[in-house]
N, C-alpha and C. Protein backbone atom coordinates (compact mmCIF):
# COMPACT_ATOMS: atom_id res chain seq x y z
N MET A 1 97.61 123.74 87.79
CA MET A 1 98.22 122.46 87.46
C MET A 1 98.24 121.57 88.71
N GLN A 2 97.55 120.42 88.66
CA GLN A 2 97.44 119.57 89.81
C GLN A 2 98.56 118.55 89.83
N ARG A 3 99.02 118.24 91.04
CA ARG A 3 100.08 117.26 91.20
C ARG A 3 99.50 115.86 91.13
N GLN A 4 100.21 114.92 90.46
CA GLN A 4 99.82 113.54 90.41
C GLN A 4 100.49 112.81 91.57
N TRP A 5 99.67 112.42 92.56
CA TRP A 5 100.23 111.76 93.73
C TRP A 5 100.70 110.36 93.39
N GLN A 6 101.81 109.95 93.97
CA GLN A 6 102.24 108.56 93.88
C GLN A 6 101.31 107.70 94.73
N MET A 7 101.14 106.44 94.34
CA MET A 7 100.30 105.55 95.11
C MET A 7 100.82 105.38 96.53
N SER A 8 102.15 105.46 96.71
CA SER A 8 102.73 105.33 98.05
C SER A 8 102.30 106.45 98.98
N GLU A 9 101.79 107.57 98.43
CA GLU A 9 101.32 108.68 99.25
C GLU A 9 99.80 108.70 99.38
N SER A 10 99.12 107.70 98.82
CA SER A 10 97.66 107.70 98.82
C SER A 10 97.11 107.33 100.18
N PHE A 11 95.87 107.73 100.43
CA PHE A 11 95.22 107.39 101.69
C PHE A 11 94.98 105.89 101.79
N ALA A 12 94.69 105.24 100.66
CA ALA A 12 94.43 103.80 100.66
C ALA A 12 95.65 103.03 101.16
N VAL A 13 96.82 103.34 100.59
CA VAL A 13 98.04 102.66 101.02
C VAL A 13 98.39 103.03 102.45
N GLY A 14 98.29 104.31 102.78
CA GLY A 14 98.59 104.75 104.14
C GLY A 14 97.69 104.08 105.16
N GLY A 15 96.41 103.92 104.83
CA GLY A 15 95.48 103.27 105.73
C GLY A 15 95.81 101.81 105.95
N LEU A 16 96.13 101.10 104.87
CA LEU A 16 96.49 99.68 104.99
C LEU A 16 97.75 99.50 105.83
N LEU A 17 98.73 100.36 105.60
CA LEU A 17 99.98 100.26 106.36
C LEU A 17 99.78 100.62 107.83
N ALA A 18 98.91 101.59 108.10
CA ALA A 18 98.61 101.94 109.49
C ALA A 18 97.90 100.78 110.19
N PHE A 19 97.03 100.10 109.47
CA PHE A 19 96.36 98.91 110.03
C PHE A 19 97.40 97.86 110.40
N VAL A 20 98.37 97.63 109.51
CA VAL A 20 99.45 96.69 109.78
C VAL A 20 100.24 97.14 111.00
N GLY A 21 100.52 98.44 111.10
CA GLY A 21 101.28 98.96 112.22
C GLY A 21 100.60 98.69 113.55
N GLY A 22 99.31 98.98 113.65
CA GLY A 22 98.57 98.71 114.87
C GLY A 22 98.48 97.22 115.16
N TYR A 23 98.28 96.43 114.13
CA TYR A 23 98.18 94.98 114.26
C TYR A 23 99.47 94.40 114.84
N LEU A 24 100.62 94.82 114.31
CA LEU A 24 101.89 94.29 114.78
C LEU A 24 102.17 94.67 116.23
N ASP A 25 101.77 95.86 116.63
CA ASP A 25 101.95 96.26 118.03
C ASP A 25 101.17 95.33 118.96
N ALA A 26 99.91 95.05 118.59
CA ALA A 26 99.10 94.14 119.41
C ALA A 26 99.68 92.73 119.40
N TYR A 27 100.16 92.30 118.24
CA TYR A 27 100.72 90.96 118.10
C TYR A 27 101.93 90.77 119.01
N THR A 28 102.87 91.70 118.97
CA THR A 28 104.08 91.54 119.78
C THR A 28 103.77 91.66 121.27
N TYR A 29 102.79 92.47 121.63
CA TYR A 29 102.45 92.62 123.05
C TYR A 29 101.79 91.35 123.59
N ILE A 30 100.89 90.77 122.83
CA ILE A 30 100.13 89.62 123.31
C ILE A 30 100.93 88.31 123.20
N CYS A 31 101.67 88.18 122.10
CA CYS A 31 102.26 86.88 121.78
C CYS A 31 103.78 86.84 121.88
N ARG A 32 104.44 88.00 121.96
CA ARG A 32 105.89 88.01 121.86
C ARG A 32 106.55 88.78 123.00
N GLY A 33 106.08 88.55 124.21
CA GLY A 33 106.79 89.08 125.37
C GLY A 33 106.33 90.43 125.86
N GLN A 34 105.14 90.87 125.47
CA GLN A 34 104.57 92.15 125.92
C GLN A 34 105.51 93.33 125.64
N VAL A 35 105.96 93.42 124.40
CA VAL A 35 106.78 94.56 123.97
C VAL A 35 106.13 95.22 122.77
N PHE A 36 106.51 96.47 122.51
CA PHE A 36 106.07 97.20 121.33
C PHE A 36 107.29 97.44 120.46
N CYS A 37 107.21 97.01 119.20
CA CYS A 37 108.37 97.09 118.30
C CYS A 37 108.25 98.21 117.27
N ASN A 38 107.09 98.87 117.21
CA ASN A 38 106.88 99.86 116.15
C ASN A 38 107.65 101.14 116.39
N ALA A 39 107.77 101.56 117.63
CA ALA A 39 108.52 102.76 118.00
C ALA A 39 109.51 102.40 119.09
N GLN A 40 110.62 103.09 119.13
CA GLN A 40 111.71 102.69 120.01
C GLN A 40 111.85 103.54 121.27
N THR A 41 110.95 104.50 121.47
CA THR A 41 111.06 105.36 122.65
C THR A 41 110.99 104.55 123.94
N GLY A 42 110.05 103.63 124.00
CA GLY A 42 109.92 102.80 125.19
C GLY A 42 111.16 101.96 125.44
N ASN A 43 111.72 101.41 124.36
CA ASN A 43 112.94 100.62 124.51
C ASN A 43 114.10 101.47 125.04
N ILE A 44 114.19 102.69 124.57
CA ILE A 44 115.26 103.58 125.01
C ILE A 44 115.11 103.91 126.49
N VAL A 45 113.87 104.18 126.92
CA VAL A 45 113.63 104.49 128.34
C VAL A 45 113.98 103.28 129.21
N LEU A 46 113.52 102.09 128.80
CA LEU A 46 113.79 100.89 129.59
C LEU A 46 115.28 100.54 129.59
N LEU A 47 115.95 100.83 128.48
CA LEU A 47 117.40 100.63 128.44
C LEU A 47 118.09 101.50 129.48
N GLY A 48 117.64 102.76 129.58
CA GLY A 48 118.22 103.66 130.57
C GLY A 48 117.94 103.21 131.99
N ILE A 49 116.73 102.70 132.23
CA ILE A 49 116.38 102.22 133.57
C ILE A 49 117.27 101.05 133.98
N HIS A 50 117.45 100.10 133.05
CA HIS A 50 118.28 98.93 133.37
C HIS A 50 119.76 99.30 133.44
N LEU A 51 120.16 100.33 132.70
CA LEU A 51 121.53 100.82 132.81
C LEU A 51 121.78 101.37 134.21
N ALA A 52 120.80 102.11 134.73
CA ALA A 52 120.94 102.66 136.08
C ALA A 52 121.01 101.56 137.14
N ASN A 53 120.31 100.43 136.86
CA ASN A 53 120.31 99.33 137.80
C ASN A 53 121.46 98.35 137.58
N GLY A 54 122.27 98.59 136.54
CA GLY A 54 123.40 97.72 136.26
C GLY A 54 123.00 96.35 135.75
N ASN A 55 121.82 96.24 135.15
CA ASN A 55 121.32 94.95 134.66
C ASN A 55 121.68 94.80 133.18
N LEU A 56 122.84 94.21 132.91
CA LEU A 56 123.36 94.12 131.55
C LEU A 56 122.48 93.24 130.67
N GLU A 57 122.03 92.12 131.19
CA GLU A 57 121.23 91.20 130.39
C GLU A 57 119.94 91.86 129.92
N ALA A 58 119.26 92.56 130.80
CA ALA A 58 118.03 93.25 130.43
C ALA A 58 118.31 94.39 129.45
N MET A 59 119.45 95.05 129.59
CA MET A 59 119.82 96.11 128.65
C MET A 59 119.91 95.58 127.23
N LEU A 60 120.54 94.41 127.08
CA LEU A 60 120.69 93.82 125.75
C LEU A 60 119.34 93.47 125.14
N TYR A 61 118.38 93.09 125.97
CA TYR A 61 117.05 92.72 125.49
C TYR A 61 116.38 93.90 124.77
N TYR A 62 116.68 95.12 125.24
CA TYR A 62 116.10 96.30 124.61
C TYR A 62 117.04 96.95 123.59
N LEU A 63 118.32 96.67 123.71
CA LEU A 63 119.28 97.25 122.78
C LEU A 63 119.18 96.62 121.40
N PHE A 64 119.02 95.30 121.34
CA PHE A 64 119.01 94.62 120.04
C PHE A 64 117.86 95.08 119.13
N PRO A 65 116.62 95.21 119.62
CA PRO A 65 115.57 95.76 118.75
C PRO A 65 115.87 97.18 118.27
N MET A 66 116.52 97.99 119.11
CA MET A 66 116.90 99.34 118.70
C MET A 66 117.90 99.29 117.55
N LEU A 67 118.90 98.41 117.67
CA LEU A 67 119.89 98.26 116.61
C LEU A 67 119.24 97.73 115.33
N ALA A 68 118.26 96.84 115.47
CA ALA A 68 117.54 96.33 114.31
C ALA A 68 116.77 97.44 113.62
N PHE A 69 116.21 98.36 114.41
CA PHE A 69 115.49 99.51 113.85
C PHE A 69 116.44 100.38 113.04
N VAL A 70 117.62 100.63 113.58
CA VAL A 70 118.64 101.40 112.86
C VAL A 70 119.03 100.69 111.56
N ALA A 71 119.20 99.37 111.64
CA ALA A 71 119.56 98.59 110.45
C ALA A 71 118.46 98.67 109.39
N GLY A 72 117.20 98.69 109.82
CA GLY A 72 116.10 98.81 108.88
C GLY A 72 116.11 100.13 108.13
N ILE A 73 116.42 101.21 108.84
CA ILE A 73 116.52 102.53 108.20
C ILE A 73 117.65 102.53 107.17
N PHE A 74 118.81 102.00 107.56
CA PHE A 74 119.95 101.94 106.65
C PHE A 74 119.61 101.11 105.41
N THR A 75 118.90 100.01 105.60
CA THR A 75 118.55 99.14 104.47
C THR A 75 117.69 99.87 103.46
N VAL A 76 116.71 100.62 103.93
CA VAL A 76 115.86 101.38 103.02
C VAL A 76 116.66 102.43 102.25
N LEU A 77 117.53 103.14 102.95
CA LEU A 77 118.33 104.18 102.29
C LEU A 77 119.25 103.58 101.24
N LEU A 78 119.84 102.44 101.54
CA LEU A 78 120.72 101.78 100.58
C LEU A 78 119.95 101.32 99.35
N LEU A 79 118.79 100.68 99.57
CA LEU A 79 118.00 100.18 98.45
C LEU A 79 117.46 101.33 97.59
N ARG A 80 117.07 102.42 98.23
CA ARG A 80 116.58 103.58 97.48
C ARG A 80 117.68 104.15 96.59
N ASN A 81 118.89 104.25 97.14
CA ASN A 81 120.01 104.77 96.34
C ASN A 81 120.36 103.85 95.19
N LYS A 82 120.26 102.55 95.42
CA LYS A 82 120.61 101.58 94.38
C LYS A 82 119.55 101.49 93.29
N MET A 83 118.28 101.65 93.67
CA MET A 83 117.18 101.38 92.74
C MET A 83 116.39 102.61 92.35
N GLN A 84 116.85 103.79 92.72
CA GLN A 84 116.06 105.01 92.51
C GLN A 84 115.70 105.22 91.04
N PHE A 85 116.59 104.86 90.14
CA PHE A 85 116.35 105.08 88.72
C PHE A 85 116.14 103.76 87.98
N SER A 86 115.80 102.71 88.71
CA SER A 86 115.55 101.41 88.10
C SER A 86 114.25 101.43 87.31
N ARG A 87 114.26 100.77 86.15
CA ARG A 87 113.05 100.70 85.32
C ARG A 87 112.21 99.46 85.65
N GLY A 88 112.71 98.63 86.53
CA GLY A 88 111.98 97.43 86.90
C GLY A 88 111.14 97.66 88.13
N LEU A 89 111.31 96.81 89.12
CA LEU A 89 110.55 96.89 90.36
C LEU A 89 110.90 98.18 91.10
N HIS A 90 109.86 98.88 91.59
CA HIS A 90 110.09 100.09 92.36
C HIS A 90 110.71 99.73 93.70
N TRP A 91 111.58 100.59 94.22
CA TRP A 91 112.28 100.25 95.47
C TRP A 91 111.32 100.10 96.63
N ARG A 92 110.22 100.84 96.63
CA ARG A 92 109.25 100.67 97.72
C ARG A 92 108.56 99.31 97.64
N GLN A 93 108.34 98.83 96.42
CA GLN A 93 107.76 97.50 96.27
C GLN A 93 108.71 96.43 96.80
N LEU A 94 110.01 96.62 96.60
CA LEU A 94 110.98 95.67 97.13
C LEU A 94 110.95 95.68 98.66
N ILE A 95 110.80 96.85 99.25
CA ILE A 95 110.70 96.96 100.71
C ILE A 95 109.50 96.16 101.20
N VAL A 96 108.37 96.30 100.52
CA VAL A 96 107.17 95.56 100.91
C VAL A 96 107.40 94.06 100.79
N CYS A 97 108.10 93.63 99.74
CA CYS A 97 108.41 92.21 99.57
C CYS A 97 109.26 91.68 100.72
N ILE A 98 110.23 92.46 101.15
CA ILE A 98 111.08 92.05 102.27
C ILE A 98 110.25 91.95 103.54
N GLU A 99 109.35 92.90 103.75
CA GLU A 99 108.46 92.85 104.91
C GLU A 99 107.64 91.56 104.91
N ILE A 100 107.05 91.24 103.77
CA ILE A 100 106.23 90.03 103.66
C ILE A 100 107.05 88.78 103.98
N LEU A 101 108.25 88.70 103.42
CA LEU A 101 109.11 87.54 103.65
C LEU A 101 109.45 87.37 105.12
N LEU A 102 109.86 88.44 105.78
CA LEU A 102 110.25 88.35 107.19
C LEU A 102 109.05 88.01 108.09
N LEU A 103 107.91 88.61 107.81
CA LEU A 103 106.73 88.31 108.61
C LEU A 103 106.25 86.88 108.39
N PHE A 104 106.41 86.37 107.18
CA PHE A 104 106.05 84.98 106.89
C PHE A 104 106.95 84.02 107.68
N ILE A 105 108.24 84.35 107.75
CA ILE A 105 109.17 83.52 108.54
C ILE A 105 108.77 83.52 110.01
N ILE A 106 108.34 84.68 110.51
CA ILE A 106 107.97 84.80 111.91
C ILE A 106 106.81 83.86 112.26
N CYS A 107 105.94 83.58 111.29
CA CYS A 107 104.81 82.67 111.54
C CYS A 107 105.27 81.32 112.08
N PHE A 108 106.48 80.90 111.72
CA PHE A 108 106.96 79.56 112.07
C PHE A 108 107.92 79.57 113.26
N ILE A 109 108.10 80.73 113.89
CA ILE A 109 108.97 80.81 115.07
C ILE A 109 108.09 80.71 116.32
N PRO A 110 108.27 79.66 117.12
CA PRO A 110 107.40 79.47 118.29
C PRO A 110 107.60 80.55 119.35
N SER A 111 106.53 80.86 120.04
CA SER A 111 106.60 81.85 121.11
C SER A 111 107.36 81.26 122.30
N GLY A 112 108.13 82.13 122.97
CA GLY A 112 108.89 81.67 124.13
C GLY A 112 110.31 82.17 124.10
N ASP A 113 111.27 81.25 124.07
CA ASP A 113 112.68 81.62 124.13
C ASP A 113 113.15 82.43 122.93
N LEU A 114 112.44 82.31 121.79
CA LEU A 114 112.86 83.02 120.58
C LEU A 114 112.10 84.33 120.37
N ASN A 115 111.41 84.79 121.40
CA ASN A 115 110.66 86.04 121.26
C ASN A 115 111.57 87.23 120.94
N LEU A 116 112.77 87.24 121.50
CA LEU A 116 113.69 88.34 121.22
C LEU A 116 114.03 88.41 119.74
N LEU A 117 114.25 87.24 119.11
CA LEU A 117 114.53 87.20 117.67
C LEU A 117 113.36 87.78 116.89
N VAL A 118 112.14 87.43 117.28
CA VAL A 118 110.96 87.95 116.61
C VAL A 118 110.85 89.46 116.79
N ASP A 119 111.10 89.93 118.00
CA ASP A 119 111.04 91.37 118.25
C ASP A 119 112.08 92.12 117.42
N ILE A 120 113.24 91.52 117.23
CA ILE A 120 114.29 92.13 116.40
C ILE A 120 113.82 92.21 114.95
N LEU A 121 113.25 91.12 114.44
CA LEU A 121 112.80 91.09 113.05
C LEU A 121 111.65 92.09 112.82
N ILE A 122 110.73 92.17 113.76
CA ILE A 122 109.60 93.09 113.59
C ILE A 122 110.06 94.54 113.73
N SER A 123 111.02 94.79 114.60
CA SER A 123 111.59 96.14 114.68
C SER A 123 112.23 96.53 113.35
N PHE A 124 112.92 95.59 112.72
CA PHE A 124 113.53 95.82 111.42
C PHE A 124 112.46 96.11 110.37
N VAL A 125 111.39 95.32 110.38
CA VAL A 125 110.29 95.51 109.43
C VAL A 125 109.64 96.88 109.62
N CYS A 126 109.36 97.24 110.86
CA CYS A 126 108.69 98.52 111.13
C CYS A 126 109.57 99.71 110.75
N ALA A 127 110.88 99.56 110.96
CA ALA A 127 111.79 100.64 110.56
C ALA A 127 111.77 100.84 109.05
N MET A 128 111.78 99.75 108.31
CA MET A 128 111.72 99.85 106.85
C MET A 128 110.42 100.52 106.41
N GLN A 129 109.33 100.13 107.02
CA GLN A 129 108.03 100.68 106.62
C GLN A 129 107.93 102.17 106.93
N VAL A 130 108.36 102.56 108.12
CA VAL A 130 108.22 103.97 108.50
C VAL A 130 109.17 104.86 107.70
N GLN A 131 110.29 104.31 107.24
CA GLN A 131 111.23 105.08 106.44
C GLN A 131 110.79 105.16 104.97
N ALA A 132 110.22 104.08 104.46
CA ALA A 132 109.85 104.03 103.04
C ALA A 132 108.55 104.78 102.75
N PHE A 133 107.62 104.78 103.70
CA PHE A 133 106.32 105.41 103.48
C PHE A 133 106.17 106.54 104.49
N ARG A 134 106.50 107.74 104.06
CA ARG A 134 106.62 108.87 104.98
C ARG A 134 105.65 110.01 104.68
N LYS A 135 104.88 109.93 103.59
CA LYS A 135 104.01 111.04 103.24
C LYS A 135 102.61 110.57 102.91
N LEU A 136 101.64 111.39 103.27
CA LEU A 136 100.25 111.19 102.93
C LEU A 136 99.78 112.42 102.18
N HIS A 137 99.66 112.28 100.86
CA HIS A 137 99.31 113.41 100.00
C HIS A 137 100.22 114.61 100.24
N GLY A 138 101.51 114.35 100.31
CA GLY A 138 102.49 115.41 100.45
C GLY A 138 102.80 115.83 101.87
N HIS A 139 102.05 115.33 102.85
CA HIS A 139 102.25 115.70 104.25
C HIS A 139 102.93 114.56 104.99
N VAL A 140 103.89 114.89 105.83
CA VAL A 140 104.63 113.87 106.58
C VAL A 140 103.71 113.16 107.56
N PHE A 141 103.79 111.83 107.57
CA PHE A 141 103.03 111.04 108.53
C PHE A 141 103.77 109.74 108.79
N ALA A 142 103.27 108.95 109.74
CA ALA A 142 103.89 107.67 110.09
C ALA A 142 102.83 106.59 110.12
N THR A 143 103.23 105.36 109.74
CA THR A 143 102.28 104.25 109.71
C THR A 143 102.46 103.30 110.88
N THR A 144 103.53 103.46 111.67
CA THR A 144 103.79 102.52 112.75
C THR A 144 103.74 103.17 114.12
N MET A 145 103.41 104.43 114.18
CA MET A 145 103.29 105.15 115.46
C MET A 145 102.32 106.31 115.27
N CYS A 146 101.77 106.83 116.35
CA CYS A 146 100.68 107.80 116.24
C CYS A 146 100.98 109.17 116.82
N THR A 147 102.05 109.33 117.57
CA THR A 147 102.29 110.60 118.26
C THR A 147 102.41 111.76 117.28
N GLY A 148 103.24 111.59 116.25
CA GLY A 148 103.41 112.65 115.26
C GLY A 148 102.14 112.93 114.49
N ASN A 149 101.38 111.87 114.16
CA ASN A 149 100.12 112.04 113.45
C ASN A 149 99.11 112.82 114.29
N LEU A 150 99.08 112.50 115.59
CA LEU A 150 98.15 113.20 116.49
C LEU A 150 98.53 114.68 116.60
N ARG A 151 99.81 114.96 116.68
CA ARG A 151 100.27 116.35 116.75
C ARG A 151 99.88 117.10 115.48
N SER A 152 100.16 116.48 114.30
CA SER A 152 99.86 117.14 113.03
C SER A 152 98.36 117.35 112.85
N ALA A 153 97.57 116.36 113.22
CA ALA A 153 96.12 116.48 113.09
C ALA A 153 95.58 117.62 113.95
N THR A 154 96.05 117.70 115.17
CA THR A 154 95.56 118.73 116.08
C THR A 154 96.02 120.12 115.65
N GLU A 155 97.25 120.21 115.16
CA GLU A 155 97.75 121.49 114.65
C GLU A 155 96.91 121.98 113.47
N MET A 156 96.57 121.06 112.55
CA MET A 156 95.77 121.45 111.40
C MET A 156 94.34 121.82 111.81
N LEU A 157 93.82 121.14 112.81
CA LEU A 157 92.49 121.49 113.31
C LEU A 157 92.50 122.89 113.92
N PHE A 158 93.53 123.21 114.67
CA PHE A 158 93.65 124.55 115.24
C PHE A 158 93.75 125.61 114.14
N MET A 159 94.58 125.34 113.13
CA MET A 159 94.77 126.30 112.04
C MET A 159 93.48 126.48 111.24
N PHE A 160 92.68 125.41 111.12
CA PHE A 160 91.39 125.53 110.44
C PHE A 160 90.46 126.45 111.23
N LEU A 161 90.42 126.27 112.55
CA LEU A 161 89.56 127.11 113.38
C LEU A 161 90.00 128.57 113.33
N LYS A 162 91.29 128.78 113.09
CA LYS A 162 91.82 130.14 113.02
C LYS A 162 91.59 130.77 111.66
N THR A 163 91.77 130.00 110.58
CA THR A 163 91.73 130.56 109.23
C THR A 163 90.48 130.19 108.44
N ARG A 164 89.74 129.16 108.89
CA ARG A 164 88.58 128.64 108.18
C ARG A 164 88.95 128.08 106.81
N ASP A 165 90.20 127.65 106.68
CA ASP A 165 90.67 127.02 105.44
C ASP A 165 90.29 125.55 105.48
N HIS A 166 89.31 125.15 104.66
CA HIS A 166 88.80 123.79 104.71
C HIS A 166 89.82 122.76 104.21
N THR A 167 90.82 123.22 103.48
CA THR A 167 91.88 122.29 103.08
C THR A 167 92.63 121.77 104.29
N LEU A 168 92.88 122.65 105.26
CA LEU A 168 93.55 122.24 106.49
C LEU A 168 92.69 121.25 107.27
N LEU A 169 91.39 121.49 107.31
CA LEU A 169 90.49 120.57 108.00
C LEU A 169 90.50 119.20 107.33
N LYS A 170 90.52 119.20 106.00
CA LYS A 170 90.53 117.95 105.25
C LYS A 170 91.77 117.13 105.57
N HIS A 171 92.93 117.79 105.56
CA HIS A 171 94.17 117.08 105.87
C HIS A 171 94.20 116.62 107.33
N GLY A 172 93.70 117.45 108.22
CA GLY A 172 93.66 117.07 109.63
C GLY A 172 92.80 115.84 109.86
N MET A 173 91.64 115.78 109.18
CA MET A 173 90.76 114.63 109.31
C MET A 173 91.40 113.36 108.76
N LYS A 174 92.25 113.50 107.75
CA LYS A 174 92.97 112.33 107.23
C LYS A 174 93.91 111.77 108.28
N TYR A 175 94.59 112.66 108.99
CA TYR A 175 95.47 112.22 110.07
C TYR A 175 94.67 111.49 111.16
N TYR A 176 93.54 112.08 111.56
CA TYR A 176 92.72 111.43 112.58
C TYR A 176 92.20 110.08 112.08
N ALA A 177 91.88 110.02 110.79
CA ALA A 177 91.39 108.76 110.22
C ALA A 177 92.48 107.69 110.25
N ILE A 178 93.72 108.08 109.96
CA ILE A 178 94.84 107.13 110.01
C ILE A 178 95.02 106.60 111.43
N ILE A 179 94.88 107.48 112.42
CA ILE A 179 94.97 107.05 113.82
C ILE A 179 93.85 106.06 114.14
N GLY A 180 92.64 106.35 113.64
CA GLY A 180 91.52 105.45 113.86
C GLY A 180 91.77 104.08 113.24
N ILE A 181 92.34 104.06 112.05
CA ILE A 181 92.65 102.79 111.37
C ILE A 181 93.73 102.04 112.15
N PHE A 182 94.70 102.75 112.69
CA PHE A 182 95.74 102.14 113.52
C PHE A 182 95.09 101.44 114.72
N ILE A 183 94.13 102.10 115.34
CA ILE A 183 93.43 101.52 116.49
C ILE A 183 92.66 100.27 116.06
N LEU A 184 92.01 100.32 114.89
CA LEU A 184 91.30 99.15 114.39
C LEU A 184 92.27 97.99 114.14
N GLY A 185 93.46 98.32 113.61
CA GLY A 185 94.47 97.29 113.40
C GLY A 185 94.89 96.66 114.71
N ALA A 186 95.05 97.48 115.75
CA ALA A 186 95.42 96.95 117.06
C ALA A 186 94.31 96.06 117.62
N ALA A 187 93.06 96.47 117.43
CA ALA A 187 91.94 95.66 117.91
C ALA A 187 91.88 94.33 117.18
N ALA A 188 92.05 94.38 115.85
CA ALA A 188 92.03 93.14 115.06
C ALA A 188 93.20 92.25 115.44
N GLY A 189 94.38 92.86 115.62
CA GLY A 189 95.55 92.09 116.01
C GLY A 189 95.36 91.41 117.35
N SER A 190 94.74 92.11 118.28
CA SER A 190 94.49 91.54 119.60
C SER A 190 93.55 90.35 119.51
N PHE A 191 92.46 90.51 118.77
CA PHE A 191 91.45 89.45 118.66
C PHE A 191 92.02 88.22 117.94
N ILE A 192 92.68 88.45 116.79
CA ILE A 192 93.16 87.32 115.99
C ILE A 192 94.34 86.63 116.66
N THR A 193 95.24 87.40 117.27
CA THR A 193 96.39 86.80 117.94
C THR A 193 95.96 85.94 119.11
N THR A 194 94.93 86.36 119.82
CA THR A 194 94.41 85.56 120.92
C THR A 194 93.89 84.21 120.42
N LEU A 195 93.36 84.20 119.20
CA LEU A 195 92.79 82.97 118.65
C LEU A 195 93.83 82.03 118.07
N ILE A 196 94.76 82.57 117.26
CA ILE A 196 95.66 81.68 116.51
C ILE A 196 97.13 81.91 116.81
N ARG A 197 97.42 82.77 117.79
CA ARG A 197 98.77 82.95 118.32
C ARG A 197 99.78 83.32 117.23
N GLU A 198 100.90 82.55 117.10
CA GLU A 198 102.05 82.96 116.29
C GLU A 198 101.70 83.24 114.83
N ILE A 199 100.81 82.42 114.25
CA ILE A 199 100.54 82.57 112.81
C ILE A 199 99.61 83.74 112.52
N ALA A 200 99.17 84.45 113.56
CA ALA A 200 98.29 85.61 113.34
C ALA A 200 98.97 86.67 112.49
N VAL A 201 100.31 86.71 112.51
CA VAL A 201 101.04 87.72 111.74
C VAL A 201 100.89 87.50 110.24
N SER A 202 100.41 86.32 109.83
CA SER A 202 100.22 86.05 108.41
C SER A 202 99.17 86.99 107.79
N ILE A 203 98.27 87.51 108.61
CA ILE A 203 97.28 88.47 108.12
C ILE A 203 97.98 89.70 107.54
N CYS A 204 99.06 90.12 108.19
CA CYS A 204 99.82 91.28 107.70
C CYS A 204 100.46 90.99 106.35
N CYS A 205 100.88 89.74 106.15
CA CYS A 205 101.47 89.36 104.86
C CYS A 205 100.45 89.58 103.74
N GLY A 206 99.20 89.18 103.99
CA GLY A 206 98.16 89.36 102.98
C GLY A 206 97.89 90.82 102.69
N ILE A 207 97.83 91.65 103.74
CA ILE A 207 97.57 93.08 103.54
C ILE A 207 98.71 93.74 102.78
N LEU A 208 99.94 93.39 103.12
CA LEU A 208 101.10 93.96 102.42
C LEU A 208 101.15 93.50 100.97
N ALA A 209 100.68 92.29 100.69
CA ALA A 209 100.61 91.83 99.30
C ALA A 209 99.65 92.70 98.49
N VAL A 210 98.55 93.12 99.12
CA VAL A 210 97.61 94.04 98.46
C VAL A 210 98.29 95.38 98.18
N VAL A 211 99.06 95.88 99.15
CA VAL A 211 99.80 97.13 98.96
C VAL A 211 100.77 97.01 97.78
N PHE A 212 101.48 95.89 97.71
CA PHE A 212 102.41 95.65 96.61
C PHE A 212 101.70 95.73 95.26
N ILE A 213 100.56 95.08 95.14
CA ILE A 213 99.81 95.08 93.88
C ILE A 213 99.29 96.48 93.56
N MET A 214 98.79 97.18 94.54
CA MET A 214 98.28 98.53 94.31
C MET A 214 99.37 99.44 93.76
N MET A 215 100.57 99.33 94.27
CA MET A 215 101.66 100.17 93.80
C MET A 215 102.06 99.80 92.37
N PHE A 216 101.97 98.55 92.03
CA PHE A 216 102.30 98.11 90.67
C PHE A 216 101.30 98.66 89.67
N ILE A 217 100.02 98.63 90.01
CA ILE A 217 98.98 99.17 89.13
C ILE A 217 99.15 100.66 88.94
N GLN A 218 99.46 101.38 90.02
CA GLN A 218 99.68 102.82 89.95
C GLN A 218 100.87 103.15 89.07
N GLU A 219 101.91 102.33 89.15
CA GLU A 219 103.09 102.58 88.34
C GLU A 219 102.74 102.52 86.86
N ARG A 220 101.91 101.56 86.46
CA ARG A 220 101.47 101.48 85.08
C ARG A 220 100.66 102.72 84.69
N GLY A 221 99.79 103.15 85.61
CA GLY A 221 98.98 104.32 85.34
C GLY A 221 99.82 105.56 85.12
N GLN A 222 100.92 105.70 85.88
CA GLN A 222 101.80 106.84 85.73
C GLN A 222 102.53 106.78 84.39
N LYS A 223 102.90 105.57 83.95
CA LYS A 223 103.55 105.44 82.65
C LYS A 223 102.61 105.85 81.53
N ASN A 224 101.34 105.44 81.62
CA ASN A 224 100.37 105.82 80.60
C ASN A 224 100.15 107.32 80.58
N LEU A 225 100.14 107.94 81.75
CA LEU A 225 99.98 109.38 81.86
C LEU A 225 101.12 110.11 81.17
N LYS A 226 102.34 109.61 81.37
CA LYS A 226 103.50 110.25 80.74
C LYS A 226 103.44 110.12 79.22
N GLN A 227 102.93 108.98 78.74
CA GLN A 227 102.84 108.80 77.30
C GLN A 227 101.83 109.75 76.69
N GLN A 228 100.73 110.02 77.41
CA GLN A 228 99.71 110.92 76.90
C GLN A 228 100.15 112.37 76.97
N ASN A 229 100.92 112.71 78.00
CA ASN A 229 101.32 114.09 78.19
C ASN A 229 102.82 114.14 78.54
N PRO A 230 103.71 114.13 77.56
CA PRO A 230 105.14 114.07 77.83
C PRO A 230 105.68 115.25 78.60
N LEU A 231 104.94 116.33 78.70
CA LEU A 231 105.39 117.48 79.44
C LEU A 231 105.19 117.28 80.94
């Protein structure tokens, strides 16, 4: 008996979201103060460095994106609990809609003094995405950072060499492919941001709109499947 994967766990959706993740990292680095908003490890380290130096103002610059990341995780958990059994819009689709709205707003925020606000909003967006989309064909992965994906890919490659189980190799290659797509997103983000600056983030809005539609089509397909086979 084969499992019917949700569209949110598909390679297509995971690849598009990984592209967005890499793109946003390049965008914030080039256009929004040379920071990375997808993962908070760097912010935590820099917060500690400025704490040691007694630089309160610089500490706040890194603290606010961290708090926004926490708020993004809480938002996803609240929406999932509220909408888990909803017959209308899927809660993950609502998350994607919120991402699109916030990124669209960012297009109109000029670079400079308001970069911190943009970094906060993008940290919030990335937190929602990484919390809402956590699996690739049943395996844990991330769309906004690569460390865990690289670890999982390498572990599966080692296990394949040990057991010759081609299923492990297949899953490991998917992880490496997601990392490759993330790199392509970063390259595209770098090139496009250099050309059109602040509004370059609008490209992510278009990609996320495609993800939203893909999930809607899959939801219909799952309903038809249930009607054909109620068991």
